[in-house]
Amino acid sequence: MKIPIRLKNCGCGGESLVWFMLEDTDIRYKCAHCSKEQDLGIQNLRIAIKVILRAQYELFESKDYSLSIVLSAMAFECDLNRLYKKWKMLEAMREKKIFLSSEHFDDALRRMNRIFDKFKSTADLMTDHGVTGFVNNSPDLQRLISDKFVCVPLERVKKDLKKAFEENLFFPRNNIIHAAKQYDEKAAKCAREFALLGMTILEKMDDAKIANSRRGGTSKNL
């Protein structure tokens, strides 16, 4: 998959649209305005971020709203898989003193037919509060939702996060793939915001779990 990123660079004031492959970790490119070569600096971009960049390109530039929705859901699922495998691998090393490759957990992930089940299972590896409970116990996350996510009503998220995610991200993705349904710009913007919200929740959970581990905590509680 090709991934686009817009960069203001070189000090020349110009902007370049740079394309790279999903698997790329280090490439050089030429500024479209002054032809200066420089490193793209994508070493620390995880797959989910790369995919959401492509979703944003399809939304804002190509205007392919249905493709943007599919890619937004894909980006969120990339982070789910990454963190599920990460904490399962660490759990196996801590409790059983064995190393299991990430591929060892592929079957377990495939058996989770509904994406929100995968969300819940991944969250349970990092917190005892569950997904909704984690959001309800995080004032910083609630402020972020209120300030940054236009399509995400905070009260609805706090009341029924599962339904909000299903209606705005997972069901549209499924309708596109299985029934060739087409969606408009508003739906694509909401899908992107819910994907970013899911990725943000996972990142906050991961940070909290790491911080607790460094304090020597044995519980998943924050």
Protein backbone atom coordinates (compact mmCIF):
# COMPACT_ATOMS: atom_id res chain seq x y z
CA MET A 1 0.00 0.00 0.00
CA LYS A 2 1.21 3.49 -0.83
CA ILE A 3 1.10 6.05 1.98
CA PRO A 4 1.04 9.84 1.38
CA ILE A 5 2.32 12.53 3.72
CA ARG A 6 2.42 16.29 3.20
CA LEU A 7 5.59 17.96 4.44
CA LYS A 8 6.68 21.55 4.85
CA ASN A 9 10.38 21.29 4.48
CA CYS A 10 13.83 22.57 3.60
CA GLY A 11 13.27 26.05 4.93
CA CYS A 12 12.22 27.03 1.40
CA GLY A 13 8.61 27.43 2.47
CA GLY A 14 7.35 24.88 -0.01
CA GLU A 15 5.16 21.86 0.64
CA SER A 16 5.72 18.42 -0.83
CA LEU A 17 3.35 15.48 -1.14
CA VAL A 18 5.57 12.46 -0.53
CA TRP A 19 4.50 8.87 -1.16
CA PHE A 20 6.12 5.85 0.45
CA MET A 21 5.28 2.18 0.89
CA LEU A 22 3.63 0.82 4.02
CA GLU A 23 6.67 -1.32 4.79
CA ASP A 24 9.19 1.53 4.36
CA THR A 25 11.06 2.67 7.45
CA ASP A 26 13.67 5.02 5.98
CA ILE A 27 13.57 6.82 2.63
CA ARG A 28 14.98 9.96 1.07
CA TYR A 29 12.94 12.35 -1.05
CA LYS A 30 13.40 15.54 -3.05
CA CYS A 31 11.60 18.73 -2.14
CA ALA A 32 9.13 19.49 -4.95
CA HIS A 33 10.17 23.15 -4.91
CA CYS A 34 13.93 23.35 -4.41
CA SER A 35 14.93 19.72 -5.18
CA LYS A 36 16.88 19.42 -1.94
CA GLU A 37 17.20 15.80 -0.80
CA GLN A 38 16.44 14.88 2.78
CA ASP A 39 15.31 12.00 4.98
CA LEU A 40 11.60 11.46 5.42
CA GLY A 41 12.00 10.44 9.06
CA ILE A 42 9.30 7.77 9.34
CA GLN A 43 11.25 5.29 11.47
CA ASN A 44 8.90 5.65 14.44
CA LEU A 45 5.61 5.68 12.53
CA ARG A 46 3.66 2.56 13.44
CA ILE A 47 1.50 0.87 10.81
CA ALA A 48 -1.76 2.29 12.20
CA ILE A 49 -0.51 5.87 11.78
CA LYS A 50 0.58 5.18 8.22
CA VAL A 51 -2.81 3.73 7.34
CA ILE A 52 -4.71 6.64 8.90
CA LEU A 53 -2.58 8.99 6.79
CA ARG A 54 -3.87 7.19 3.68
CA ALA A 55 -7.44 7.37 5.06
CA GLN A 56 -7.05 11.12 5.49
CA TYR A 57 -5.74 11.50 1.95
CA GLU A 58 -8.75 9.63 0.56
CA LEU A 59 -11.08 11.76 2.69
CA PHE A 60 -9.68 15.23 2.12
CA GLU A 61 -7.98 14.99 -1.28
CA SER A 62 -9.28 12.07 -3.34
CA LYS A 63 -12.81 12.43 -1.93
CA ASP A 64 -13.21 8.65 -1.93
CA TYR A 65 -15.26 8.59 1.24
CA SER A 66 -16.06 4.89 1.33
CA LEU A 67 -12.40 3.93 0.91
CA SER A 68 -11.50 6.37 3.67
CA ILE A 69 -13.95 4.63 6.03
CA VAL A 70 -12.48 1.19 5.26
CA LEU A 71 -8.96 2.48 5.84
CA SER A 72 -9.93 4.24 9.08
CA ALA A 73 -11.31 0.97 10.45
CA MET A 74 -8.18 -0.83 9.24
CA ALA A 75 -5.92 1.65 11.07
CA PHE A 76 -7.77 1.12 14.34
CA GLU A 77 -7.63 -2.65 13.95
CA CYS A 78 -3.87 -2.46 13.32
CA ASP A 79 -3.38 -0.90 16.75
CA LEU A 80 -5.72 -3.43 18.36
CA ASN A 81 -3.70 -6.33 16.95
CA ARG A 82 -0.37 -4.73 17.84
CA LEU A 83 -1.24 -4.13 21.49
CA TYR A 84 -3.07 -7.43 21.98
CA LYS A 85 0.02 -9.31 20.78
CA LYS A 86 2.42 -7.08 22.70
CA TRP A 87 0.80 -7.63 26.09
CA LYS A 88 0.06 -11.32 25.45
CA MET A 89 3.73 -11.87 24.61
CA LEU A 90 4.84 -10.05 27.76
CA GLU A 91 2.30 -11.99 29.82
CA ALA A 92 3.71 -15.29 28.52
CA MET A 93 7.26 -14.22 29.35
CA ARG A 94 6.32 -13.04 32.83
CA GLU A 95 4.05 -15.90 33.87
CA LYS A 96 5.33 -18.88 31.90
CA LYS A 97 8.92 -17.79 31.25
CA ILE A 98 8.51 -18.58 27.53
CA PHE A 99 8.80 -16.51 24.39
CA LEU A 100 5.89 -16.72 21.96
CA SER A 101 6.05 -15.05 18.57
CA SER A 102 3.37 -12.55 17.61
CA GLU A 103 2.03 -15.05 15.05
CA HIS A 104 1.13 -17.38 17.92
CA PHE A 105 -1.83 -15.13 18.76
CA ASP A 106 -3.26 -14.79 15.24
CA ASP A 107 -5.82 -17.58 15.73
CA ALA A 108 -7.13 -16.02 18.94
CA LEU A 109 -7.59 -12.69 17.18
CA ARG A 110 -9.36 -14.33 14.24
CA ARG A 111 -11.81 -16.04 16.60
CA MET A 112 -12.98 -12.65 17.84
CA ASN A 113 -15.64 -12.09 15.19
CA ARG A 114 -16.74 -8.65 16.34
CA ILE A 115 -14.20 -5.86 16.41
CA PHE A 116 -15.48 -4.46 19.69
CA ASP A 117 -14.88 -7.87 21.29
CA LYS A 118 -11.27 -7.51 20.16
CA PHE A 119 -11.25 -3.96 21.60
CA LYS A 120 -12.52 -5.26 24.95
CA SER A 121 -10.07 -8.18 25.03
CA THR A 122 -7.15 -5.89 24.25
CA ALA A 123 -8.25 -3.35 26.85
CA ASP A 124 -8.57 -6.08 29.49
CA LEU A 125 -4.86 -6.79 29.10
CA MET A 126 -4.07 -3.22 30.14
CA THR A 127 -6.75 -2.13 32.60
CA ASP A 128 -9.30 -3.61 35.00
CA HIS A 129 -11.78 -0.83 34.18
CA GLY A 130 -12.80 -1.99 30.70
CA VAL A 131 -13.03 0.36 27.75
CA THR A 132 -15.98 2.48 28.91
CA GLY A 133 -14.77 2.50 32.50
CA PHE A 134 -11.33 3.66 31.43
CA VAL A 135 -12.85 6.61 29.54
CA ASN A 136 -15.17 7.45 32.45
CA ASN A 137 -12.21 7.41 34.89
CA SER A 138 -10.00 9.63 32.73
CA PRO A 139 -10.80 13.38 32.92
CA ASP A 140 -7.91 14.14 30.55
CA LEU A 141 -9.33 11.77 27.94
CA GLN A 142 -12.81 13.23 28.37
CA ARG A 143 -11.45 16.75 27.84
CA LEU A 144 -9.65 15.56 24.72
CA ILE A 145 -12.87 14.09 23.35
CA SER A 146 -14.78 17.30 24.05
CA ASP A 147 -12.09 19.54 22.54
CA LYS A 148 -10.83 17.56 19.55
CA PHE A 149 -13.52 15.15 18.33
CA VAL A 150 -16.38 17.02 16.67
CA CYS A 151 -18.33 13.90 15.68
CA VAL A 152 -17.97 12.20 19.06
CA PRO A 153 -20.58 13.29 21.66
CA LEU A 154 -18.93 12.77 25.05
CA GLU A 155 -22.12 11.79 26.87
CA ARG A 156 -22.91 9.14 24.27
CA VAL A 157 -19.40 7.74 24.48
CA LYS A 158 -19.62 7.58 28.27
CA LYS A 159 -23.03 5.90 28.11
CA ASP A 160 -22.55 3.34 25.33
CA LEU A 161 -19.12 3.36 23.74
CA LYS A 162 -19.72 0.02 22.00
CA LYS A 163 -22.81 1.26 20.15
CA ALA A 164 -21.12 4.54 19.20
CA PHE A 165 -18.16 2.71 17.66
CA GLU A 166 -20.34 0.18 15.88
CA GLU A 167 -22.67 2.75 14.31
CA ASN A 168 -19.94 5.18 13.21
CA LEU A 169 -17.02 2.93 12.25
CA PHE A 170 -17.61 -0.82 12.17
CA PHE A 171 -21.10 -1.01 10.60
CA PRO A 172 -20.23 1.45 7.79
CA ARG A 173 -17.02 -0.49 7.07
CA ASN A 174 -18.99 -3.75 6.88
CA ASN A 175 -21.69 -2.23 4.69
CA ILE A 176 -19.08 -1.02 2.21
CA ILE A 177 -17.24 -4.33 2.05
CA HIS A 178 -20.26 -6.66 2.03
CA ALA A 179 -22.99 -4.59 0.35
CA ALA A 180 -21.05 -1.99 -1.69
CA LYS A 181 -22.88 0.79 0.14
CA GLN A 182 -21.58 4.28 -0.52
CA TYR A 183 -21.08 6.91 2.18
CA ASP A 184 -20.73 10.68 2.17
CA GLU A 185 -18.10 13.05 3.52
CA LYS A 186 -19.80 13.46 6.90
CA ALA A 187 -19.81 9.69 7.50
CA ALA A 188 -16.14 9.43 6.48
CA LYS A 189 -15.17 12.25 8.84
CA CYS A 190 -16.99 10.55 11.71
CA ALA A 191 -15.37 7.18 10.92
CA ARG A 192 -11.95 8.82 10.93
CA GLU A 193 -12.63 10.50 14.27
CA PHE A 194 -13.80 7.26 15.88
CA ALA A 195 -10.74 5.45 14.55
CA LEU A 196 -8.50 8.17 15.99
CA LEU A 197 -10.44 8.07 19.26
CA GLY A 198 -9.98 4.30 19.51
CA MET A 199 -6.27 4.63 18.77
CA THR A 200 -5.98 7.38 21.40
CA ILE A 201 -7.78 5.31 24.05
CA LEU A 202 -5.47 2.37 23.34
CA GLU A 203 -2.40 4.60 23.53
CA LYS A 204 -3.52 6.01 26.91
CA MET A 205 -4.16 2.50 28.21
CA ASP A 206 -0.76 1.35 27.02
CA ASP A 207 0.96 4.32 28.67
CA ALA A 208 -0.88 3.68 31.94
CA LYS A 209 -0.01 -0.01 31.90
CA ILE A 210 3.68 0.77 31.25
CA ALA A 211 3.74 3.37 34.03
CA ASN A 212 2.14 0.92 36.47
CA SER A 213 4.62 -1.80 35.51
CA ARG A 214 7.54 0.54 36.13
CA ARG A 215 6.17 1.29 39.60
CA GLY A 216 6.27 -2.42 40.27
CA GLY A 217 2.49 -2.84 40.23
CA THR A 218 1.18 -6.34 39.79
CA SER A 219 -2.42 -5.29 39.10
CA LYS A 220 -3.77 -3.85 35.89
CA ASN A 221 -5.44 -1.11 37.91
CA LEU A 222 -4.38 2.45 37.10
